[in-house]
Amino acid sequence: MPYEITEECNGFADKEAEEVDEEIFFYTSDSDLKLSDKELIAILKESNPEWFD
């Protein structure tokens, strides 16, 4: 989720909005960003192999 679920924000407006978000953005943790480029690319390839064709 791009934002924490709170009373003011309960996530995406609908399933379509969530799917669009997943197509456009890739969310990663702060700890992953501390990895070397090679390690981070390996993680990204697992979820998004088409990015590296």
N, C-alpha and C. Protein backbone atom coordinates (compact mmCIF):
# COMPACT_ATOMS: atom_id res chain seq x y z
N MET A 1 0.83 -1.19 0.00
CA MET A 1 0.00 0.00 0.00
C MET A 1 0.87 1.24 0.00
N PRO A 2 0.53 2.21 -0.79
CA PRO A 2 1.32 3.43 -0.80
C PRO A 2 1.18 4.24 0.49
N TYR A 3 0.07 4.08 1.17
CA TYR A 3 -0.16 4.80 2.42
C TYR A 3 -0.70 3.84 3.45
N GLU A 4 -0.45 4.15 4.71
CA GLU A 4 -1.03 3.35 5.78
C GLU A 4 -2.55 3.50 5.74
N ILE A 5 -3.23 2.43 6.12
CA ILE A 5 -4.68 2.49 6.18
C ILE A 5 -5.06 3.18 7.48
N THR A 6 -5.78 4.26 7.35
CA THR A 6 -6.24 5.04 8.51
C THR A 6 -7.71 5.35 8.31
N GLU A 7 -8.29 6.03 9.27
CA GLU A 7 -9.68 6.44 9.12
C GLU A 7 -9.85 7.38 7.93
N GLU A 8 -8.83 8.18 7.65
CA GLU A 8 -8.90 9.14 6.56
C GLU A 8 -8.59 8.51 5.22
N CYS A 9 -7.79 7.45 5.21
CA CYS A 9 -7.38 6.79 3.98
C CYS A 9 -7.52 5.29 4.17
N ASN A 10 -8.42 4.67 3.44
CA ASN A 10 -8.62 3.23 3.61
C ASN A 10 -8.07 2.45 2.42
N GLY A 11 -7.01 2.94 1.82
CA GLY A 11 -6.38 2.22 0.73
C GLY A 11 -6.80 2.76 -0.62
N PHE A 12 -6.91 1.86 -1.58
CA PHE A 12 -7.26 2.25 -2.95
C PHE A 12 -8.77 2.45 -3.10
N ALA A 13 -9.13 3.25 -4.09
CA ALA A 13 -10.54 3.53 -4.34
C ALA A 13 -11.28 2.28 -4.77
N ASP A 14 -10.62 1.41 -5.56
CA ASP A 14 -11.24 0.17 -5.99
C ASP A 14 -10.14 -0.78 -6.48
N LYS A 15 -10.53 -1.96 -6.89
CA LYS A 15 -9.57 -2.97 -7.34
C LYS A 15 -8.81 -2.50 -8.59
N GLU A 16 -9.49 -1.82 -9.48
CA GLU A 16 -8.84 -1.32 -10.69
C GLU A 16 -7.71 -0.35 -10.34
N ALA A 17 -7.95 0.54 -9.39
CA ALA A 17 -6.92 1.48 -8.96
C ALA A 17 -5.72 0.75 -8.38
N GLU A 18 -5.98 -0.30 -7.63
CA GLU A 18 -4.89 -1.09 -7.05
C GLU A 18 -4.08 -1.78 -8.15
N GLU A 19 -4.75 -2.32 -9.17
CA GLU A 19 -4.07 -2.99 -10.28
C GLU A 19 -3.22 -2.00 -11.09
N VAL A 20 -3.73 -0.80 -11.31
CA VAL A 20 -2.97 0.22 -12.03
C VAL A 20 -1.73 0.57 -11.23
N ASP A 21 -1.87 0.73 -9.94
CA ASP A 21 -0.73 1.03 -9.07
C ASP A 21 0.33 -0.07 -9.19
N GLU A 22 -0.09 -1.32 -9.17
CA GLU A 22 0.85 -2.44 -9.25
C GLU A 22 1.57 -2.49 -10.60
N GLU A 23 0.91 -2.04 -11.67
CA GLU A 23 1.53 -2.02 -12.99
C GLU A 23 2.58 -0.92 -13.12
N ILE A 24 2.37 0.18 -12.41
CA ILE A 24 3.23 1.35 -12.58
C ILE A 24 4.37 1.39 -11.56
N PHE A 25 4.07 1.06 -10.32
CA PHE A 25 5.04 1.25 -9.25
C PHE A 25 5.56 -0.07 -8.71
N PHE A 26 6.78 -0.02 -8.21
CA PHE A 26 7.36 -1.15 -7.49
C PHE A 26 7.79 -0.63 -6.13
N TYR A 27 7.27 -1.23 -5.08
CA TYR A 27 7.60 -0.80 -3.74
C TYR A 27 8.64 -1.74 -3.16
N THR A 28 9.62 -1.17 -2.51
CA THR A 28 10.67 -1.96 -1.89
C THR A 28 10.94 -1.42 -0.49
N SER A 29 11.60 -2.22 0.30
CA SER A 29 11.87 -1.81 1.67
C SER A 29 13.15 -0.99 1.75
N ASP A 30 13.28 -0.24 2.81
CA ASP A 30 14.50 0.54 3.02
C ASP A 30 15.72 -0.37 3.09
N SER A 31 15.55 -1.55 3.69
CA SER A 31 16.69 -2.46 3.81
C SER A 31 17.15 -2.97 2.44
N ASP A 32 16.20 -3.19 1.50
CA ASP A 32 16.58 -3.61 0.15
C ASP A 32 17.38 -2.53 -0.55
N LEU A 33 17.05 -1.28 -0.30
CA LEU A 33 17.75 -0.17 -0.95
C LEU A 33 19.19 -0.03 -0.47
N LYS A 34 19.50 -0.66 0.65
CA LYS A 34 20.86 -0.61 1.18
C LYS A 34 21.74 -1.71 0.59
N LEU A 35 21.15 -2.62 -0.19
CA LEU A 35 21.90 -3.70 -0.82
C LEU A 35 22.76 -3.15 -1.95
N SER A 36 23.70 -3.96 -2.38
CA SER A 36 24.49 -3.57 -3.55
C SER A 36 23.58 -3.56 -4.78
N ASP A 37 24.01 -2.90 -5.84
CA ASP A 37 23.21 -2.85 -7.07
C ASP A 37 22.92 -4.26 -7.56
N LYS A 38 23.91 -5.12 -7.53
CA LYS A 38 23.76 -6.49 -8.02
C LYS A 38 22.70 -7.26 -7.23
N GLU A 39 22.72 -7.11 -5.90
CA GLU A 39 21.74 -7.80 -5.05
C GLU A 39 20.33 -7.24 -5.26
N LEU A 40 20.23 -5.91 -5.39
CA LEU A 40 18.93 -5.29 -5.60
C LEU A 40 18.35 -5.70 -6.95
N ILE A 41 19.16 -5.74 -7.98
CA ILE A 41 18.70 -6.17 -9.31
C ILE A 41 18.19 -7.60 -9.25
N ALA A 42 18.86 -8.46 -8.51
CA ALA A 42 18.41 -9.86 -8.38
C ALA A 42 17.02 -9.92 -7.76
N ILE A 43 16.78 -9.10 -6.75
CA ILE A 43 15.46 -9.05 -6.11
C ILE A 43 14.41 -8.53 -7.09
N LEU A 44 14.74 -7.47 -7.81
CA LEU A 44 13.80 -6.90 -8.77
C LEU A 44 13.47 -7.89 -9.89
N LYS A 45 14.46 -8.65 -10.33
CA LYS A 45 14.23 -9.63 -11.40
C LYS A 45 13.25 -10.72 -10.99
N GLU A 46 13.22 -11.06 -9.71
CA GLU A 46 12.30 -12.09 -9.23
C GLU A 46 10.85 -11.71 -9.49
N SER A 47 10.51 -10.47 -9.21
CA SER A 47 9.13 -10.01 -9.34
C SER A 47 8.82 -9.40 -10.70
N ASN A 48 9.86 -8.96 -11.41
CA ASN A 48 9.65 -8.21 -12.65
C ASN A 48 10.65 -8.62 -13.73
N PRO A 49 10.65 -9.88 -14.15
CA PRO A 49 11.64 -10.32 -15.13
C PRO A 49 11.57 -9.58 -16.47
N GLU A 50 10.37 -9.10 -16.81
CA GLU A 50 10.20 -8.39 -18.09
C GLU A 50 10.97 -7.08 -18.13
N TRP A 51 11.33 -6.53 -16.98
CA TRP A 51 12.09 -5.29 -16.94
C TRP A 51 13.52 -5.50 -17.45
N PHE A 52 13.98 -6.74 -17.47
CA PHE A 52 15.37 -7.02 -17.75
C PHE A 52 15.57 -7.85 -19.01
N ASP A 53 14.59 -7.87 -19.90
CA ASP A 53 14.70 -8.62 -21.16
C ASP A 53 15.67 -7.98 -22.10
